Amino acid sequence: MTILRAEVIGDPIAHSKSPLIHRFWLDALGIDGSYDACRVSADDLAGYFARCRDLPEWRGCNVTIPHKEAVLAHVEDRGDVRSSIGAMNTIFRDEDGTLVGTNTDAAGFYGPLSGSAWTGAHAAVVGAGGGARAVLFALSRMGFDRVTLLNRNVLKAGALLGHFGLKGDALPLDAPLPAADLLVNASPLGMQGQPPLDVDLDDLPDDAVVYDLVYAPIETPLLAQARARDLAAVDGLEMLIGQAAAAFAIFFGAEPPRDRDAELRELLTA
């Protein structure tokens, strides 16, 4: 019997919690499969996919920093992800051996925010990489009236706002935060081995939501600052688990047991 295999690729990759998530679901459902972390350098992306293409047991991979945009050049884009989000985080092997890319980040990001009305709201987003693209794609469909995008490269930030048809401003990283209803850190700042995100939350309204996509550590300095101000805080595990659930169904052909999310979070935070 063939053991189905999937993995997460990136560089670095040791921090990834994706193996814990997928293995938890595999065990819970009694599926004979595996999910591992694999460090793949930018120079080896083409070779990695060439090797996986001929392995029938390889069902696919998740993609993390810094490859979410680069993988577009190596796989088939049936859903026109290139023109929409412009980044992929999930690659799967079709029955004929074709490697196909998609993006489950946008849905994973949206999940924790789906219970609120955001029409006419103002969002501030930090970062302009693959994760930010998924966030901006989601925001463009959630009814936000304005988006302020902060990034080291202001020209790139401005181009991204235009790409997603969002009204707003592109500002440098050290610019003061606007009085936004939602603040999203879609950059690596605050991640283990990275400097913290240095922002002042004083101008955010009392009902603002602070959402940090970083999940290593789970309690980032940004989230600690938000909680100190009694602001609603969403950690990176929310998006990580949400996007992983969609990818798991693609890889292993079964819906993960989301009724056990509390148990999964305990495992991930132990």
Protein backbone atom coordinates (compact mmCIF):
# COMPACT_ATOMS: atom_id res chain seq x y z
CA MET A 1 0.00 0.00 0.00
CA THR A 2 1.36 3.43 -0.99
CA ILE A 3 1.89 5.86 1.88
CA LEU A 4 0.75 9.29 0.73
CA ARG A 5 3.37 11.95 1.31
CA ALA A 6 3.30 15.75 1.55
CA GLU A 7 5.58 18.39 3.04
CA VAL A 8 6.27 22.07 3.54
CA ILE A 9 9.17 23.78 1.78
CA GLY A 10 10.98 27.01 2.54
CA ASP A 11 14.31 28.48 3.57
CA PRO A 12 14.51 28.61 6.57
CA ILE A 13 12.05 25.87 7.49
CA ALA A 14 12.95 24.59 10.98
CA HIS A 15 10.41 26.95 12.57
CA SER A 16 7.45 25.53 10.62
CA LYS A 17 4.55 24.08 12.62
CA SER A 18 2.87 22.64 9.52
CA PRO A 19 4.18 19.08 10.15
CA LEU A 20 2.59 19.07 13.62
CA ILE A 21 -0.74 20.20 12.18
CA HIS A 22 -0.93 17.73 9.31
CA ARG A 23 0.37 14.80 11.38
CA PHE A 24 -2.26 15.54 14.03
CA TRP A 25 -4.99 15.32 11.40
CA LEU A 26 -3.50 12.23 9.75
CA ASP A 27 -3.46 10.43 13.11
CA ALA A 28 -6.96 11.63 13.99
CA LEU A 29 -8.38 10.29 10.73
CA GLY A 30 -6.28 7.12 10.63
CA ILE A 31 -4.78 8.01 7.26
CA ASP A 32 -1.55 6.20 6.32
CA GLY A 33 0.40 9.26 5.26
CA SER A 34 3.33 11.48 6.16
CA TYR A 35 4.04 15.20 6.24
CA ASP A 36 7.53 16.63 6.79
CA ALA A 37 9.48 19.89 6.58
CA CYS A 38 11.98 20.20 3.73
CA ARG A 39 14.50 22.99 3.36
CA VAL A 40 14.70 24.00 -0.30
CA SER A 41 16.93 26.85 -1.42
CA ALA A 42 15.95 29.27 -4.17
CA ASP A 43 18.56 27.72 -6.46
CA ASP A 44 17.06 24.24 -6.02
CA LEU A 45 13.37 25.01 -6.61
CA ALA A 46 13.42 23.70 -10.19
CA GLY A 47 15.33 20.58 -9.16
CA TYR A 48 13.01 19.93 -6.23
CA PHE A 49 9.89 19.96 -8.40
CA ALA A 50 11.59 17.88 -11.08
CA ARG A 51 12.33 15.21 -8.47
CA CYS A 52 8.82 15.24 -7.01
CA ARG A 53 7.04 15.12 -10.36
CA ASP A 54 7.91 11.45 -10.83
CA LEU A 55 6.97 10.29 -7.32
CA PRO A 56 3.37 8.98 -7.32
CA GLU A 57 3.29 8.91 -3.50
CA TRP A 58 4.15 12.64 -3.34
CA ARG A 59 0.82 14.47 -3.12
CA GLY A 60 2.16 18.00 -2.84
CA CYS A 61 3.69 20.65 -0.65
CA ASN A 62 2.94 23.84 1.16
CA VAL A 63 5.21 26.78 0.37
CA THR A 64 6.50 29.34 2.84
CA ILE A 65 9.06 32.17 2.89
CA PRO A 66 10.71 33.04 0.54
CA HIS A 67 9.27 30.95 -2.33
CA LYS A 68 5.58 31.93 -2.61
CA GLU A 69 6.11 34.07 -5.69
CA ALA A 70 9.03 32.14 -7.20
CA VAL A 71 7.08 28.87 -7.44
CA LEU A 72 4.82 30.44 -10.08
CA ALA A 73 7.56 29.76 -12.63
CA HIS A 74 7.69 26.02 -11.90
CA VAL A 75 4.09 24.75 -11.79
CA GLU A 76 0.87 24.95 -13.76
CA ASP A 77 -1.46 27.82 -12.89
CA ARG A 78 -4.95 26.53 -13.71
CA GLY A 79 -6.76 29.01 -11.48
CA ASP A 80 -4.90 32.07 -12.82
CA VAL A 81 -3.34 32.71 -9.42
CA ARG A 82 -0.61 34.74 -11.15
CA SER A 83 -3.10 37.41 -12.23
CA SER A 84 -5.12 37.40 -9.02
CA ILE A 85 -3.12 36.87 -5.83
CA GLY A 86 0.27 36.57 -7.53
CA ALA A 87 1.63 34.04 -5.03
CA MET A 88 1.14 30.34 -4.32
CA ASN A 89 1.33 28.50 -1.02
CA THR A 90 0.04 25.06 -2.05
CA ILE A 91 1.33 22.80 -4.84
CA PHE A 92 -0.28 19.45 -5.61
CA ARG A 93 0.43 16.60 -8.01
CA ASP A 94 -2.45 15.83 -10.38
CA GLU A 95 -3.32 12.29 -11.43
CA ASP A 96 -1.39 12.69 -14.68
CA GLY A 97 1.72 13.88 -12.83
CA THR A 98 1.20 17.57 -13.54
CA LEU A 99 2.20 19.88 -10.69
CA VAL A 100 -0.48 22.51 -10.09
CA GLY A 101 -0.31 25.54 -7.82
CA THR A 102 -3.01 27.31 -5.85
CA ASN A 103 -3.36 29.58 -2.83
CA THR A 104 -5.15 28.72 0.42
CA ASP A 105 -3.66 31.63 2.40
CA ALA A 106 -6.43 34.09 1.51
CA ALA A 107 -9.15 31.79 2.83
CA GLY A 108 -7.07 31.01 5.92
CA PHE A 109 -6.58 34.71 6.60
CA TYR A 110 -10.26 35.53 6.17
CA GLY A 111 -11.58 32.81 8.50
CA PRO A 112 -11.08 34.57 11.88
CA LEU A 113 -12.52 37.83 10.46
CA SER A 114 -15.58 36.36 8.76
CA GLY A 115 -17.93 37.05 11.66
CA SER A 116 -17.58 40.85 11.40
CA ALA A 117 -18.75 43.41 8.86
CA TRP A 118 -15.87 45.26 7.24
CA THR A 119 -17.62 47.31 4.56
CA GLY A 120 -16.26 50.85 4.61
CA ALA A 121 -13.48 50.00 7.07
CA HIS A 122 -9.81 51.01 6.95
CA ALA A 123 -7.02 48.42 7.09
CA ALA A 124 -3.29 48.91 7.62
CA VAL A 125 -1.04 46.14 6.30
CA VAL A 126 2.70 45.75 6.92
CA GLY A 127 4.69 43.94 4.21
CA ALA A 128 4.44 43.37 0.48
CA GLY A 129 5.53 39.75 -0.02
CA GLY A 130 3.60 36.58 -0.76
CA GLY A 131 1.67 36.63 2.51
CA ALA A 132 0.70 40.26 2.01
CA ARG A 133 -0.60 39.45 -1.46
CA ALA A 134 -3.05 36.91 -0.01
CA VAL A 135 -4.14 39.44 2.62
CA LEU A 136 -4.70 42.20 0.07
CA PHE A 137 -6.63 39.81 -2.18
CA ALA A 138 -8.94 39.00 0.74
CA LEU A 139 -9.31 42.65 1.76
CA SER A 140 -10.27 43.60 -1.79
CA ARG A 141 -13.26 41.26 -1.49
CA MET A 142 -14.27 42.16 2.06
CA GLY A 143 -15.51 45.67 1.33
CA PHE A 144 -12.69 47.70 2.88
CA ASP A 145 -12.90 51.36 1.88
CA ARG A 146 -9.22 52.10 2.37
CA VAL A 147 -5.94 50.22 2.82
CA THR A 148 -2.66 51.69 4.02
CA LEU A 149 0.27 49.50 2.99
CA LEU A 150 3.58 49.97 4.81
CA ASN A 151 6.74 48.51 3.29
CA ARG A 152 10.44 49.20 2.88
CA ASN A 153 9.90 49.54 -0.88
CA VAL A 154 7.12 52.11 -1.19
CA LEU A 155 6.94 51.80 -4.98
CA LYS A 156 6.28 48.06 -4.70
CA ALA A 157 3.59 48.74 -2.10
CA GLY A 158 1.89 51.27 -4.35
CA ALA A 159 1.94 48.86 -7.27
CA LEU A 160 0.31 46.16 -5.12
CA LEU A 161 -2.52 48.46 -4.07
CA GLY A 162 -3.15 49.20 -7.74
CA HIS A 163 -2.98 45.51 -8.67
CA PHE A 164 -5.74 44.64 -6.22
CA GLY A 165 -7.82 47.73 -7.02
CA LEU A 166 -7.52 49.07 -3.48
CA LYS A 167 -7.77 52.74 -2.57
CA GLY A 168 -5.26 53.94 -0.03
CA ASP A 169 -1.68 54.93 0.63
CA ALA A 170 1.72 53.30 0.29
CA LEU A 171 4.02 54.40 3.12
CA PRO A 172 7.50 53.52 4.42
CA LEU A 173 7.81 51.11 7.36
CA ASP A 174 8.64 53.85 9.83
CA ALA A 175 5.55 55.94 9.02
CA PRO A 176 3.01 56.43 11.86
CA LEU A 177 0.09 54.02 11.77
CA PRO A 178 -3.25 55.48 10.68
CA ALA A 179 -6.37 55.11 12.83
CA ALA A 180 -7.16 51.80 11.14
CA ASP A 181 -9.91 49.35 12.09
CA LEU A 182 -7.65 46.40 11.25
CA LEU A 183 -3.87 46.13 11.48
CA VAL A 184 -2.21 43.14 9.80
CA ASN A 185 1.45 42.23 10.06
CA ALA A 186 2.14 40.29 6.86
CA SER A 187 5.92 40.70 7.13
CA PRO A 188 8.53 38.48 8.83
CA LEU A 189 9.14 41.19 11.45
CA GLY A 190 8.64 39.73 14.91
CA MET A 191 9.51 36.20 13.80
CA GLN A 192 12.22 34.30 15.64
CA GLY A 193 15.55 35.56 14.32
CA GLN A 194 14.00 38.77 12.96
CA PRO A 195 13.76 42.21 14.57
CA PRO A 196 10.39 43.09 16.10
CA LEU A 197 7.83 45.18 14.26
CA ASP A 198 8.37 48.65 15.72
CA VAL A 199 4.98 50.38 15.59
CA ASP A 200 2.96 52.58 17.92
CA LEU A 201 -0.65 51.40 18.37
CA ASP A 202 -1.82 54.52 20.21
CA ASP A 203 -3.74 55.89 17.21
CA LEU A 204 -5.75 52.70 16.65
CA PRO A 205 -9.37 52.95 17.83
CA ASP A 206 -10.44 50.94 20.89
CA ASP A 207 -12.39 48.46 18.75
CA ALA A 208 -9.51 47.81 16.32
CA VAL A 209 -8.30 44.28 15.55
CA VAL A 210 -4.58 43.47 15.43
CA TYR A 211 -3.74 40.38 13.36
CA ASP A 212 -0.17 39.05 13.22
CA LEU A 213 0.55 36.36 10.61
CA VAL A 214 3.77 35.42 12.42
CA TYR A 215 3.36 32.21 14.45
CA ALA A 216 6.90 31.59 15.73
CA PRO A 217 6.64 32.88 18.39
CA ILE A 218 2.88 32.75 18.74
CA GLU A 219 2.79 35.68 21.17
CA THR A 220 4.73 38.29 19.23
CA PRO A 221 5.72 41.69 20.61
CA LEU A 222 3.01 43.20 18.40
CA LEU A 223 0.28 41.00 19.89
CA ALA A 224 1.55 41.65 23.43
CA GLN A 225 1.34 45.38 22.71
CA ALA A 226 -2.21 44.96 21.38
CA ARG A 227 -3.34 42.99 24.43
CA ALA A 228 -1.80 45.62 26.72
CA ARG A 229 -4.16 48.10 25.08
CA ASP A 230 -7.10 45.65 25.37
CA LEU A 231 -7.38 45.44 21.57
CA ALA A 232 -8.71 42.31 19.90
CA ALA A 233 -5.72 40.20 18.85
CA VAL A 234 -5.52 37.38 16.31
CA ASP A 235 -2.38 35.23 16.28
CA GLY A 236 -0.71 33.54 13.32
CA LEU A 237 -2.01 30.08 14.26
CA GLU A 238 -5.49 31.10 13.11
CA MET A 239 -4.39 31.63 9.52
CA LEU A 240 -1.88 28.77 9.65
CA ILE A 241 -4.51 26.23 10.68
CA GLY A 242 -7.10 27.64 8.26
CA GLN A 243 -4.88 27.50 5.19
CA ALA A 244 -3.54 24.08 6.27
CA ALA A 245 -7.07 22.67 6.43
CA ALA A 246 -7.72 23.54 2.79
CA ALA A 247 -4.33 22.14 1.75
CA PHE A 248 -4.86 18.92 3.75
CA ALA A 249 -8.09 18.20 1.86
CA ILE A 250 -6.23 18.67 -1.43
CA PHE A 251 -3.29 16.44 -0.45
CA PHE A 252 -5.09 13.62 1.33
CA GLY A 253 -8.66 13.76 -0.03
CA ALA A 254 -10.31 14.17 3.37
CA GLU A 255 -11.58 17.08 5.44
CA PRO A 256 -9.58 17.57 8.66
CA PRO A 257 -11.42 17.33 12.01
CA ARG A 258 -11.81 21.04 12.76
CA ASP A 259 -13.88 20.21 15.84
CA ARG A 260 -10.54 19.35 17.47
CA ASP A 261 -8.93 22.76 16.85
CA ALA A 262 -8.68 23.51 20.57
CA GLU A 263 -6.71 20.30 21.11
CA LEU A 264 -4.52 21.12 18.11
CA ARG A 265 -3.78 24.61 19.45
CA GLU A 266 -2.70 23.10 22.77
CA LEU A 267 -0.28 20.84 20.90
CA LEU A 268 1.12 23.74 18.88
CA THR A 269 1.59 25.99 21.92
CA ALA A 270 3.10 23.33 24.22
